[in-house]
Amino acid sequence: MSFLNGAVLWLLLPLIAYVIKGKKQSLSQYLRWVVLALLIVAMARPALLESKSSKKVEAQSLIFALDLSRSMSAKDIKPSRRVASQESIKAFLKQNQNDQIALVGFTINPLLLSPPTTDHKLVALALENLNSDYILTKGTDLNRLFKKIAKFSDKEKKVVLFSDGGDEPISDELVELLEEEKIKVMVVAMATKEGSAIEKKDGTLVQDRAGNIVVSKLNSSLKKLTQNGGVFLPFDSVGSTVDSIDKWLEQQKGSETITKESRSYFELAFVPLLLAILLFFLSATRFSKKLLPLLLLIGIELQADEVFTKQTWGGHVEKLHIERSSFGFLDGYYLFQAYSAYRDGEYQESFKKVMSMKNRTFASELLLAHIYYKMKKYKEAKAILEGMRSKEPKLKQQLLYELGNCEAKLAYWDKAKEYYVKALQLGEDEDALYNLEFVLKQKKRHGFKLSAYNASQAKRTKDSSAKDSKTQKKKKGSSSKTESNSGANGAGSKSKNAVVKVVKKQDNSKSKRVMSSKAYDLINKGYIHEVKPW
C-alpha cells in the first residue's frame, strides 16, 4: 500500500504528541482524536497499485526559456514583458496536452523550474508561483542558459525563448554551441525597438552609474540564435504567439514520440473515512459509554466518560466482606451488562450481573456501591466504600465525598462533616463544600440523629427546599463531574466534561506549490554586484 498524498501524514506527529503529553481525557474525547487521525489518513489517500503501463504517443519535447531579468518588467509590451510571456506559455499549455514541456527560468543564472513532463498543471503552477522579489540577480546571461539546456538528454532540443536579449551581443561561440548540441531556437522577442524605461517597485526608474535613465530595447543580435533552423518572432499578442509556436513545431515534426507512463490505483480512503464516521457516532452518543466495558473484556484500559454522575448520598452501614476468587474470562462481559442495566435504571438486573463476576475489580465494586445507593441500601453502599482503598488523591477524595454523603443520608451529621472536611483537604470540590454547609446547618438545627430523616422530610423545611432546588438547577445547568476508573488497576479520576471545538481554518488562497528558498538561491548563485542590473 502507498499514499498518493503522503506528505499529509506529517500532521499526525503534532496530534500524537498532544495526546501523549496532554492530560488524561474521557473516552469520548479520545475517540474524537482518533477520528481526527483517521481523517488525516484519508486525506493522505491510501491506495493499492493495481497496474502499471507505458505507451508511446506522437508528441514533441519542448523547452520554454523565460527571461526573469529586471528589464522584463518594462511595459512597452502590455501589461509587461514578463506577464505577457507567462500568459503565452499558459495558453500554449492548454492547447497542447500531449507535448512534453520543460520550463527554465534565467537571469545571469539559469534554473530548471519544471523538469520535462506531460503534466502541464505542474508547469502552470511553477509559472504562477514565481516571485521576482526574491530574485537578486537582475541581468541576462544567455551563454549560461544554453550551456544548461545542452545538458538535457534529448538528441535534438527545441527551445522557445521569451526574452528581450539583454544588452550583450550574441557571441559566435554561443552560435557554435547551438549547432554542436543540435539546439533549435524560436526567439519570441519580448521588447520593442523603441524600448522603454524600467520602473522599480517604489515607482522610480532604473538608472545607470552615471545617473542616466536606462532604456531597455530589443537586442537585435537575438536573430543569430535562429541560424540552425530556428525562427525569430516579434511579440504581437498571446494568441498569435501561440499559433506561431504551433506552426514552427509542425515544421519540426517528424517521427518523434515520447513514452507516457500510467498507473492504476485502487484508493482505500473510504476505509478510514467510514471508520471515522463510526467512531464519531460512538463518541457523540450514549453508545460510547457502553464501549468501555466491552474494551475491558479484551483487557484494554481506558477512562470512562461519565460512568457515574454525582448524586446526594448518605447512610451509615456495617462493613461487608467481599470474597475474591480466580479470574473469570467473562467478567468483562458481565461488567458491560451491569453498566448497561445501571444506565437503564434496572438496578436489580445490574446487581445480578455484578454478582456473577468471579473477580470483582475496583470498577465493579464502585458500581455495586452505586447500585446499593440507588436501591436505597445506604448501609451496604457505605460498607463497600469503606472497604475500598486507593493511593490516588483524586480517587481518595471521591471515596471520602461519597462516604460523607452516605452518613448525611442517614443524618449522621458529625461523621458526614468529617468525611467532607477530609475530602476538601485533598482538593477543591464544589459539591463537597456545598454538602458540608448543608450538614452544618442540619447539625445546628437538629443536634441529634434523625433516624427517620429522608428527602421528603427535608423538603418540608423552607431552607432545605431552596437548597434542593438550587442543587437540581446546578446539576442541570453545569457540566456534571464524572467519576471514572480503570477496571484493571483501580486508578480513576473525577473530571468535568470537556468540549472539543473543531475550528475550520480559513484559507482564502488557492493551493499552490510555492518555490522553496533553495530555488531562489540557485538563481542568485554567485551574486555580488552586477554591472548592468537589468
Protein backbone atom coordinates (compact mmCIF):
# COMPACT_ATOMS: atom_id res chain seq x y z
CA MET A 1 0.00 0.00 0.00
CA SER A 2 1.16 3.52 -0.75
CA PHE A 3 -0.11 7.04 -0.09
CA LEU A 4 -0.80 9.28 -3.07
CA ASN A 5 -0.60 12.37 -0.86
CA GLY A 6 1.81 11.05 1.77
CA ALA A 7 3.05 14.47 2.96
CA VAL A 8 -0.26 14.95 4.80
CA LEU A 9 0.74 12.20 7.24
CA TRP A 10 3.19 14.62 8.90
CA LEU A 11 0.11 16.20 10.51
CA LEU A 12 -0.16 13.09 12.70
CA LEU A 13 3.04 13.97 14.59
CA PRO A 14 1.74 17.06 16.47
CA LEU A 15 -1.56 15.26 17.08
CA ILE A 16 0.14 12.22 18.65
CA ALA A 17 2.45 14.46 20.71
CA TYR A 18 -0.51 16.45 22.04
CA VAL A 19 -2.49 13.36 23.05
CA ILE A 20 0.51 11.68 24.73
CA LYS A 21 1.66 14.74 26.68
CA GLY A 22 -1.81 16.12 27.37
CA LYS A 23 -3.99 15.50 30.39
CA LYS A 24 -5.95 12.30 30.82
CA GLN A 25 -9.24 12.63 28.98
CA SER A 26 -12.54 10.85 28.68
CA LEU A 27 -13.24 8.00 26.29
CA SER A 28 -15.37 10.23 24.03
CA GLN A 29 -12.55 12.75 23.79
CA TYR A 30 -10.01 10.06 22.91
CA LEU A 31 -12.39 8.75 20.24
CA ARG A 32 -12.60 12.19 18.70
CA TRP A 33 -8.81 12.40 18.49
CA VAL A 34 -8.82 9.01 16.76
CA VAL A 35 -11.46 10.36 14.34
CA LEU A 36 -9.19 13.29 13.51
CA ALA A 37 -6.25 10.95 12.93
CA LEU A 38 -8.34 8.78 10.60
CA LEU A 39 -9.42 11.84 8.62
CA ILE A 40 -5.75 12.79 8.17
CA VAL A 41 -5.01 9.27 6.92
CA ALA A 42 -7.94 9.54 4.50
CA MET A 43 -6.58 12.86 3.20
CA ALA A 44 -3.24 11.12 2.54
CA ARG A 45 -5.16 8.92 0.04
CA PRO A 46 -4.01 5.36 0.81
CA ALA A 47 -4.11 3.22 -2.32
CA LEU A 48 -3.13 -0.12 -3.75
CA LEU A 49 -1.22 -0.23 -7.05
CA GLU A 50 -3.25 -2.36 -9.47
CA SER A 51 -1.33 -1.96 -12.70
CA LYS A 52 1.47 -0.03 -14.34
CA SER A 53 1.64 0.61 -18.06
CA SER A 54 3.53 2.72 -20.56
CA LYS A 55 2.70 3.72 -24.10
CA LYS A 56 4.32 5.74 -26.84
CA VAL A 57 2.46 8.72 -28.23
CA GLU A 58 3.27 11.12 -31.01
CA ALA A 59 4.36 14.27 -29.26
CA GLN A 60 7.30 16.61 -29.13
CA SER A 61 9.65 17.59 -26.38
CA LEU A 62 9.87 21.35 -25.91
CA ILE A 63 11.80 23.66 -23.59
CA PHE A 64 10.43 27.06 -22.61
CA ALA A 65 13.14 29.53 -21.50
CA LEU A 66 11.72 32.50 -19.61
CA ASP A 67 13.80 35.63 -19.04
CA LEU A 68 13.38 36.82 -15.41
CA SER A 69 15.71 39.81 -15.55
CA ARG A 70 14.61 43.26 -14.34
CA SER A 71 14.23 44.59 -17.90
CA MET A 72 11.36 42.12 -18.40
CA SER A 73 9.23 44.31 -16.13
CA ALA A 74 9.27 47.07 -18.76
CA LYS A 75 5.82 47.95 -20.07
CA ASP A 76 6.41 48.62 -23.76
CA ILE A 77 4.55 45.31 -24.12
CA LYS A 78 1.32 45.35 -22.11
CA PRO A 79 0.83 44.64 -19.28
CA SER A 80 4.57 43.92 -19.05
CA ARG A 81 7.11 41.82 -20.91
CA ARG A 82 7.24 39.14 -18.18
CA VAL A 83 3.46 38.87 -17.71
CA ALA A 84 2.86 38.64 -21.48
CA SER A 85 5.47 35.87 -21.67
CA GLN A 86 3.86 33.92 -18.85
CA GLU A 87 0.39 34.25 -20.37
CA SER A 88 1.68 32.99 -23.73
CA ILE A 89 3.21 29.88 -22.14
CA LYS A 90 -0.01 29.16 -20.19
CA ALA A 91 -2.10 29.48 -23.35
CA PHE A 92 0.19 27.06 -25.19
CA LEU A 93 -0.05 24.52 -22.34
CA LYS A 94 -3.84 24.50 -22.61
CA GLN A 95 -3.83 23.83 -26.34
CA ASN A 96 -1.10 21.17 -26.43
CA GLN A 97 -1.86 18.45 -23.89
CA ASN A 98 0.46 15.73 -25.20
CA ASP A 99 3.71 17.64 -25.63
CA GLN A 100 6.42 17.13 -23.06
CA ILE A 101 7.31 20.51 -21.59
CA ALA A 102 10.26 21.71 -19.52
CA LEU A 103 10.44 25.21 -18.03
CA VAL A 104 13.72 27.07 -17.39
CA GLY A 105 13.90 30.50 -15.77
CA PHE A 106 17.06 32.57 -16.05
CA THR A 107 18.78 35.82 -15.22
CA ILE A 108 22.59 35.58 -15.10
CA ASN A 109 22.00 32.08 -13.70
CA PRO A 110 19.54 29.52 -15.15
CA LEU A 111 17.21 27.35 -13.04
CA LEU A 112 15.08 24.38 -14.05
CA LEU A 113 11.66 25.43 -12.73
CA SER A 114 9.84 22.36 -14.02
CA PRO A 115 11.52 19.19 -15.37
CA PRO A 116 10.28 17.64 -18.64
CA THR A 117 6.72 16.46 -18.02
CA THR A 118 3.42 15.91 -19.78
CA ASP A 119 1.59 17.11 -16.65
CA HIS A 120 1.03 20.68 -17.79
CA LYS A 121 -0.64 21.64 -14.50
CA LEU A 122 2.73 21.37 -12.78
CA VAL A 123 4.32 23.69 -15.31
CA ALA A 124 1.46 26.17 -14.89
CA LEU A 125 1.87 26.07 -11.10
CA ALA A 126 5.59 26.76 -11.43
CA LEU A 127 4.77 29.82 -13.53
CA GLU A 128 2.13 31.13 -11.11
CA ASN A 129 4.40 30.83 -8.08
CA LEU A 130 7.34 32.80 -9.43
CA ASN A 131 8.11 35.76 -7.17
CA SER A 132 10.53 38.27 -8.69
CA ASP A 133 11.03 39.94 -5.26
CA TYR A 134 13.24 37.01 -4.22
CA ILE A 135 15.45 37.24 -7.30
CA LEU A 136 18.54 39.33 -6.54
CA THR A 137 20.21 38.87 -9.90
CA LYS A 138 18.73 41.28 -12.44
CA GLY A 139 20.87 40.86 -15.56
CA THR A 140 20.76 38.46 -18.53
CA ASP A 141 23.25 35.74 -19.49
CA LEU A 142 22.22 33.65 -22.50
CA ASN A 143 25.52 31.74 -22.59
CA ARG A 144 24.87 30.08 -19.22
CA LEU A 145 21.28 29.40 -20.22
CA PHE A 146 22.17 27.37 -23.30
CA LYS A 147 25.00 25.54 -21.53
CA LYS A 148 22.33 24.40 -19.09
CA ILE A 149 19.99 23.35 -21.90
CA ALA A 150 22.82 21.48 -23.62
CA LYS A 151 22.84 19.04 -20.70
CA PHE A 152 19.28 17.88 -21.48
CA SER A 153 19.09 14.26 -22.67
CA ASP A 154 17.16 14.96 -25.90
CA LYS A 155 19.18 14.38 -29.06
CA GLU A 156 17.55 17.36 -30.72
CA LYS A 157 16.48 20.15 -28.41
CA LYS A 158 13.76 22.62 -29.35
CA VAL A 159 13.71 25.82 -27.32
CA VAL A 160 11.17 28.65 -27.24
CA LEU A 161 12.98 31.66 -25.78
CA PHE A 162 10.97 34.55 -24.27
CA SER A 163 13.48 37.36 -23.78
CA ASP A 164 14.45 40.90 -24.70
CA GLY A 165 18.03 39.68 -25.13
CA GLY A 166 19.71 41.95 -22.59
CA ASP A 167 22.46 44.35 -23.68
CA GLU A 168 25.24 41.93 -24.61
CA PRO A 169 25.61 40.89 -28.29
CA ILE A 170 25.29 37.21 -29.16
CA SER A 171 28.76 35.70 -29.48
CA ASP A 172 29.91 33.35 -32.23
CA GLU A 173 30.88 30.80 -29.57
CA LEU A 174 27.23 30.59 -28.49
CA VAL A 175 26.07 30.05 -32.07
CA GLU A 176 28.62 27.23 -32.44
CA LEU A 177 27.35 25.65 -29.21
CA LEU A 178 23.79 25.63 -30.58
CA GLU A 179 24.97 23.86 -33.75
CA GLU A 180 27.06 21.27 -31.90
CA GLU A 181 24.30 20.38 -29.42
CA LYS A 182 21.57 20.47 -32.10
CA ILE A 183 19.61 23.16 -30.29
CA LYS A 184 16.91 24.81 -32.38
CA VAL A 185 15.67 28.12 -31.01
CA MET A 186 12.47 30.02 -31.63
CA VAL A 187 13.05 33.52 -30.30
CA VAL A 188 9.96 35.40 -29.13
CA ALA A 189 11.25 38.97 -28.98
CA MET A 190 9.74 40.49 -25.80
CA ALA A 191 10.68 44.12 -26.44
CA THR A 192 10.20 46.88 -28.97
CA LYS A 193 12.86 48.66 -30.99
CA GLU A 194 11.99 51.95 -29.27
CA GLY A 195 12.33 50.33 -25.86
CA SER A 196 11.05 51.52 -22.51
CA ALA A 197 12.33 52.78 -19.16
CA ILE A 198 12.33 50.22 -16.35
CA GLU A 199 10.21 51.06 -13.34
CA LYS A 200 11.16 49.83 -9.85
CA LYS A 201 8.66 48.75 -7.19
CA ASP A 202 8.84 52.15 -5.49
CA GLY A 203 7.88 53.88 -8.75
CA THR A 204 11.33 55.26 -9.54
CA LEU A 205 13.17 54.47 -12.78
CA VAL A 206 16.32 52.38 -13.09
CA GLN A 207 19.45 54.48 -13.66
CA ASP A 208 22.99 53.55 -14.67
CA ARG A 209 26.09 54.51 -12.66
CA ALA A 210 26.25 57.91 -14.37
CA GLY A 211 22.71 58.69 -13.22
CA ASN A 212 21.14 58.35 -16.67
CA ILE A 213 17.76 56.66 -17.01
CA VAL A 214 18.16 53.21 -18.54
CA VAL A 215 16.04 52.48 -21.62
CA SER A 216 15.78 48.77 -22.39
CA LYS A 217 15.43 47.97 -26.10
CA LEU A 218 15.26 44.80 -28.13
CA ASN A 219 18.64 43.17 -28.65
CA SER A 220 18.71 42.82 -32.44
CA SER A 221 21.52 40.26 -32.28
CA LEU A 222 18.99 37.70 -30.97
CA LYS A 223 18.37 36.74 -34.61
CA LYS A 224 21.75 34.98 -34.65
CA LEU A 225 20.25 32.29 -32.35
CA THR A 226 17.89 31.16 -35.11
CA GLN A 227 20.54 30.19 -37.70
CA ASN A 228 20.13 26.47 -37.00
CA GLY A 229 16.50 26.04 -38.13
CA GLY A 230 15.03 28.50 -35.70
CA VAL A 231 12.52 31.35 -36.03
CA PHE A 232 12.61 34.98 -34.92
CA LEU A 233 9.17 36.25 -33.83
CA PRO A 234 8.48 39.79 -32.55
CA PHE A 235 5.72 39.55 -29.94
CA ASP A 236 2.32 40.78 -31.15
CA SER A 237 -0.31 39.12 -28.97
CA VAL A 238 -0.76 35.99 -26.87
CA GLY A 239 -2.98 34.28 -29.45
CA SER A 240 -0.74 34.97 -32.45
CA THR A 241 2.35 33.90 -30.49
CA VAL A 242 0.78 30.53 -29.60
CA ASP A 243 -0.27 29.98 -33.23
CA SER A 244 3.27 30.76 -34.41
CA ILE A 245 4.77 28.29 -31.94
CA ASP A 246 2.35 25.59 -33.17
CA LYS A 247 3.30 26.24 -36.80
CA TRP A 248 7.00 26.08 -36.02
CA LEU A 249 6.55 22.77 -34.17
CA GLU A 250 4.58 21.37 -37.11
CA GLN A 251 7.52 22.13 -39.37
CA GLN A 252 9.88 20.35 -36.98
CA LYS A 253 7.58 17.37 -36.54
CA GLY A 254 8.87 14.00 -37.71
CA SER A 255 8.52 10.52 -36.29
CA GLU A 256 9.24 11.81 -32.81
CA THR A 257 7.43 10.01 -29.98
CA ILE A 258 7.57 10.16 -26.21
CA THR A 259 6.79 7.47 -23.65
CA LYS A 260 3.94 8.16 -21.23
CA GLU A 261 3.65 6.04 -18.11
CA SER A 262 0.33 5.50 -16.38
CA ARG A 263 -0.51 3.76 -13.12
CA SER A 264 -3.84 2.43 -11.98
CA TYR A 265 -4.63 2.61 -8.27
CA PHE A 266 -7.43 1.30 -6.09
CA GLU A 267 -7.94 4.03 -3.50
CA LEU A 268 -8.66 2.99 0.10
CA ALA A 269 -9.53 6.39 1.54
CA PHE A 270 -13.10 5.23 2.14
CA VAL A 271 -11.89 2.74 4.79
CA PRO A 272 -10.51 5.30 7.33
CA LEU A 273 -13.34 7.64 6.38
CA LEU A 274 -16.07 5.13 7.23
CA LEU A 275 -14.27 4.16 10.43
CA ALA A 276 -14.00 7.84 11.38
CA ILE A 277 -17.76 8.29 10.88
CA LEU A 278 -18.49 5.24 13.04
CA LEU A 279 -16.21 6.37 15.86
CA PHE A 280 -17.59 9.90 15.74
CA PHE A 281 -21.09 8.42 16.09
CA LEU A 282 -19.95 6.43 19.12
CA SER A 283 -18.26 9.47 20.69
CA ALA A 284 -21.35 11.63 20.25
CA THR A 285 -23.95 9.18 21.61
CA ARG A 286 -24.53 7.13 24.71
CA PHE A 287 -23.14 4.08 22.91
CA SER A 288 -19.65 5.36 23.72
CA LYS A 289 -20.42 4.77 27.37
CA LYS A 290 -21.14 1.12 26.64
CA LEU A 291 -17.93 0.76 24.69
CA LEU A 292 -15.66 0.90 27.76
CA PRO A 293 -16.84 -2.33 29.40
CA LEU A 294 -16.63 -4.05 26.04
CA LEU A 295 -12.99 -3.00 25.74
CA LEU A 296 -12.36 -4.20 29.30
CA LEU A 297 -13.38 -7.65 28.07
CA ILE A 298 -10.25 -7.75 25.90
CA GLY A 299 -8.05 -6.12 28.52
CA ILE A 300 -7.95 -2.55 27.20
CA GLU A 301 -7.73 0.06 29.93
CA LEU A 302 -9.40 3.38 29.18
CA GLN A 303 -11.16 6.10 31.14
CA ALA A 304 -14.95 6.00 31.03
CA ASP A 305 -16.92 9.06 30.01
CA GLU A 306 -19.48 9.85 32.71
CA VAL A 307 -19.81 6.30 34.02
CA PHE A 308 -21.46 7.81 37.04
CA THR A 309 -22.76 11.24 37.88
CA LYS A 310 -22.53 12.53 41.45
CA GLN A 311 -25.72 12.20 43.45
CA THR A 312 -26.69 13.14 47.02
CA TRP A 313 -25.63 10.16 49.09
CA GLY A 314 -25.99 9.25 52.80
CA GLY A 315 -26.12 6.45 55.37
CA HIS A 316 -24.07 4.58 57.99
CA VAL A 317 -23.55 0.87 57.43
CA GLU A 318 -21.51 -2.08 58.64
CA LYS A 319 -18.54 -3.28 56.65
CA LEU A 320 -19.22 -6.13 54.21
CA HIS A 321 -16.73 -8.88 53.37
CA ILE A 322 -16.25 -9.47 49.63
CA GLU A 323 -14.80 -12.84 48.69
CA ARG A 324 -12.37 -12.91 45.80
CA SER A 325 -11.70 -15.91 43.59
CA SER A 326 -9.80 -16.69 40.43
CA PHE A 327 -10.19 -14.51 37.37
CA GLY A 328 -13.20 -15.23 35.18
CA PHE A 329 -12.94 -14.83 31.42
CA LEU A 330 -16.50 -13.45 31.21
CA ASP A 331 -16.00 -10.82 33.93
CA GLY A 332 -15.61 -8.09 31.34
CA TYR A 333 -18.81 -9.15 29.65
CA TYR A 334 -20.72 -9.19 32.94
CA LEU A 335 -19.38 -5.74 33.80
CA PHE A 336 -20.52 -4.47 30.41
CA GLN A 337 -24.02 -5.86 31.01
CA ALA A 338 -24.06 -4.37 34.52
CA TYR A 339 -23.19 -0.90 33.20
CA SER A 340 -25.92 -1.11 30.57
CA ALA A 341 -28.57 -2.19 33.07
CA TYR A 342 -27.49 0.52 35.52
CA ARG A 343 -27.90 3.28 32.96
CA ASP A 344 -31.31 1.94 32.02
CA GLY A 345 -32.41 2.11 35.68
CA GLU A 346 -32.62 -1.66 36.03
CA TYR A 347 -30.71 -1.84 39.31
CA GLN A 348 -31.75 -5.39 40.25
CA GLU A 349 -30.52 -6.71 36.91
CA SER A 350 -27.31 -4.70 37.24
CA PHE A 351 -26.81 -6.17 40.73
CA LYS A 352 -27.17 -9.73 39.40
CA LYS A 353 -24.60 -9.15 36.68
CA VAL A 354 -22.05 -7.75 39.13
CA MET A 355 -22.58 -10.68 41.50
CA SER A 356 -21.98 -13.06 38.56
CA MET A 357 -18.38 -11.88 38.31
CA LYS A 358 -15.77 -14.22 39.76
CA ASN A 359 -13.27 -11.48 40.46
CA ARG A 360 -14.70 -8.05 41.16
CA THR A 361 -12.37 -5.21 40.26
CA PHE A 362 -12.32 -1.71 41.65
CA ALA A 363 -14.70 -0.62 38.90
CA SER A 364 -17.21 -3.35 39.68
CA GLU A 365 -17.10 -2.63 43.43
CA LEU A 366 -17.74 1.05 42.84
CA LEU A 367 -20.59 0.13 40.52
CA LEU A 368 -22.02 -2.15 43.21
CA ALA A 369 -21.87 0.70 45.74
CA HIS A 370 -23.81 2.91 43.35
CA ILE A 371 -26.36 0.16 42.78
CA TYR A 372 -26.95 -0.20 46.56
CA TYR A 373 -27.34 3.54 46.81
CA LYS A 374 -29.91 3.65 44.01
CA MET A 375 -31.77 0.83 45.78
CA LYS A 376 -31.69 2.94 49.00
CA LYS A 377 -29.50 0.38 50.75
CA TYR A 378 -27.18 3.02 52.14
CA LYS A 379 -25.55 0.77 54.76
CA GLU A 380 -24.43 -1.75 52.15
CA ALA A 381 -23.17 1.05 49.88
CA LYS A 382 -21.12 2.52 52.70
CA ALA A 383 -19.72 -0.89 53.64
CA ILE A 384 -18.30 -1.32 50.15
CA LEU A 385 -16.87 2.20 50.10
CA GLU A 386 -15.14 1.66 53.45
CA GLY A 387 -13.52 -1.49 52.10
CA MET A 388 -12.06 0.28 49.06
CA ARG A 389 -8.52 1.65 49.12
CA SER A 390 -6.60 3.83 46.70
CA LYS A 391 -3.32 5.75 46.78
CA GLU A 392 -4.51 8.21 44.18
CA PRO A 393 -5.51 11.53 45.84
CA LYS A 394 -8.39 12.27 43.47
CA LEU A 395 -9.90 8.84 43.92
CA LYS A 396 -9.47 9.01 47.71
CA GLN A 397 -11.26 12.37 47.61
CA GLN A 398 -14.09 10.79 45.64
CA LEU A 399 -14.49 7.93 48.12
CA LEU A 400 -14.46 10.33 51.11
CA TYR A 401 -17.06 12.50 49.42
CA GLU A 402 -19.38 9.55 48.83
CA LEU A 403 -18.85 8.25 52.37
CA GLY A 404 -19.86 11.68 53.64
CA ASN A 405 -22.99 11.50 51.52
CA CYS A 406 -23.82 8.10 52.98
CA GLU A 407 -23.53 9.49 56.52
CA ALA A 408 -25.62 12.52 55.61
CA LYS A 409 -28.33 10.40 54.03
CA LEU A 410 -29.00 8.73 57.39
CA ALA A 411 -28.47 12.03 59.24
CA TYR A 412 -25.18 11.19 60.94
CA TRP A 413 -24.13 14.81 60.71
CA ASP A 414 -20.83 14.61 62.65
CA LYS A 415 -19.45 11.71 60.61
CA ALA A 416 -20.67 13.29 57.38
CA LYS A 417 -18.89 16.52 58.35
CA GLU A 418 -15.62 14.62 58.96
CA TYR A 419 -15.70 12.95 55.57
CA TYR A 420 -16.46 16.20 53.74
CA VAL A 421 -13.64 18.01 55.55
CA LYS A 422 -11.19 15.21 54.68
CA ALA A 423 -12.35 15.30 51.06
CA LEU A 424 -11.80 19.07 50.88
CA GLN A 425 -8.32 18.69 52.36
CA LEU A 426 -7.35 16.70 49.27
CA GLY A 427 -8.51 19.38 46.84
CA GLU A 428 -11.25 21.79 45.89
CA ASP A 429 -14.69 20.31 45.35
CA GLU A 430 -17.77 22.50 44.96
CA ASP A 431 -20.18 19.65 45.70
CA ALA A 432 -18.36 18.62 48.88
CA LEU A 433 -18.24 22.23 50.08
CA TYR A 434 -21.95 22.73 49.41
CA ASN A 435 -22.88 19.49 51.18
CA LEU A 436 -20.67 20.42 54.14
CA GLU A 437 -22.55 23.69 54.54
CA PHE A 438 -25.84 21.80 54.35
CA VAL A 439 -24.70 19.27 57.01
CA LEU A 440 -23.54 22.03 59.35
CA LYS A 441 -26.95 23.73 59.11
CA GLN A 442 -28.75 20.45 59.75
CA LYS A 443 -26.46 19.67 62.70
CA LYS A 444 -27.14 23.09 64.19
CA ARG A 445 -30.89 22.74 63.64
CA HIS A 446 -31.38 19.20 64.96
CA GLY A 447 -28.28 18.43 67.04
CA PHE A 448 -29.07 14.72 67.08
CA LYS A 449 -29.52 11.78 64.75
CA LEU A 450 -32.82 11.69 62.92
CA SER A 451 -33.16 8.05 62.02
CA ALA A 452 -36.29 8.68 60.02
CA TYR A 453 -34.82 11.61 58.17
CA ASN A 454 -35.24 11.40 54.40
CA ALA A 455 -35.54 13.58 51.33
CA SER A 456 -39.33 14.11 51.65
CA GLN A 457 -38.98 15.42 55.21
CA ALA A 458 -36.21 17.74 54.13
CA LYS A 459 -38.48 19.36 51.55
CA ARG A 460 -40.90 20.45 54.30
CA THR A 461 -38.32 22.90 55.51
CA LYS A 462 -38.09 26.12 53.51
CA ASP A 463 -34.33 26.34 53.61
CA SER A 464 -33.91 22.68 52.66
CA SER A 465 -36.36 23.04 49.80
CA ALA A 466 -34.49 26.03 48.45
CA LYS A 467 -31.21 24.20 48.70
CA ASP A 468 -32.59 21.13 46.93
CA SER A 469 -33.93 23.32 44.13
CA LYS A 470 -30.61 25.06 43.85
CA THR A 471 -28.82 21.70 43.70
CA GLN A 472 -31.04 20.44 40.88
CA LYS A 473 -30.57 23.61 38.83
CA LYS A 474 -26.86 23.46 39.42
CA LYS A 475 -26.68 19.87 38.18
CA LYS A 476 -28.77 20.59 35.11
CA GLY A 477 -27.04 23.83 34.16
CA SER A 478 -23.44 22.88 34.67
CA SER A 479 -21.18 20.16 33.39
CA SER A 480 -21.54 17.22 35.75
CA LYS A 481 -18.42 15.92 37.43
CA THR A 482 -17.58 12.45 36.37
CA GLU A 483 -16.22 9.62 38.40
CA SER A 484 -14.28 7.24 36.25
CA ASN A 485 -11.92 4.44 36.92
CA SER A 486 -9.84 1.81 35.19
CA GLY A 487 -11.01 -1.68 35.93
CA ALA A 488 -7.58 -3.23 35.71
CA ASN A 489 -5.68 -1.43 38.50
CA GLY A 490 -8.30 0.70 40.22
CA ALA A 491 -7.00 4.02 39.00
CA GLY A 492 -9.58 6.68 38.24
CA SER A 493 -10.33 10.36 38.48
CA LYS A 494 -13.08 12.96 38.52
CA SER A 495 -13.28 15.27 35.58
CA LYS A 496 -15.65 17.76 34.04
CA ASN A 497 -16.97 17.17 30.55
CA ALA A 498 -14.64 18.63 28.00
CA VAL A 499 -15.91 20.33 24.87
CA VAL A 500 -13.90 19.77 21.71
CA LYS A 501 -14.32 22.60 19.24
CA VAL A 502 -13.49 21.92 15.59
CA VAL A 503 -12.14 25.19 14.22
CA LYS A 504 -12.14 25.42 10.47
CA LYS A 505 -9.04 27.01 9.10
CA GLN A 506 -9.85 29.98 6.92
CA ASP A 507 -7.78 29.89 3.78
CA ASN A 508 -8.80 32.27 1.03
CA SER A 509 -5.83 31.44 -1.15
CA LYS A 510 -5.72 28.62 -3.64
CA SER A 511 -3.50 25.63 -3.00
CA LYS A 512 -0.18 26.40 -4.60
CA ARG A 513 3.21 24.75 -4.87
CA VAL A 514 5.41 27.58 -3.64
CA MET A 515 9.02 27.67 -4.79
CA SER A 516 11.42 26.95 -1.95
CA SER A 517 14.11 29.40 -0.87
CA LYS A 518 16.68 26.92 -2.24
CA ALA A 519 15.34 27.51 -5.75
CA TYR A 520 15.88 31.25 -5.48
CA ASP A 521 19.35 30.61 -4.04
CA LEU A 522 20.22 28.79 -7.27
CA ILE A 523 19.04 31.75 -9.37
CA ASN A 524 21.01 34.17 -7.18
CA LYS A 525 24.13 31.98 -7.10
CA GLY A 526 27.35 33.98 -7.32
CA TYR A 527 25.56 37.32 -6.99
CA ILE A 528 27.61 40.19 -5.61
CA HIS A 529 27.11 43.33 -7.65
CA GLU A 530 26.08 43.36 -11.29
CA VAL A 531 27.48 45.92 -13.64
CA LYS A 532 24.21 46.17 -15.56
CA PRO A 533 21.41 45.07 -13.21
CA TRP A 534 18.59 44.96 -15.78
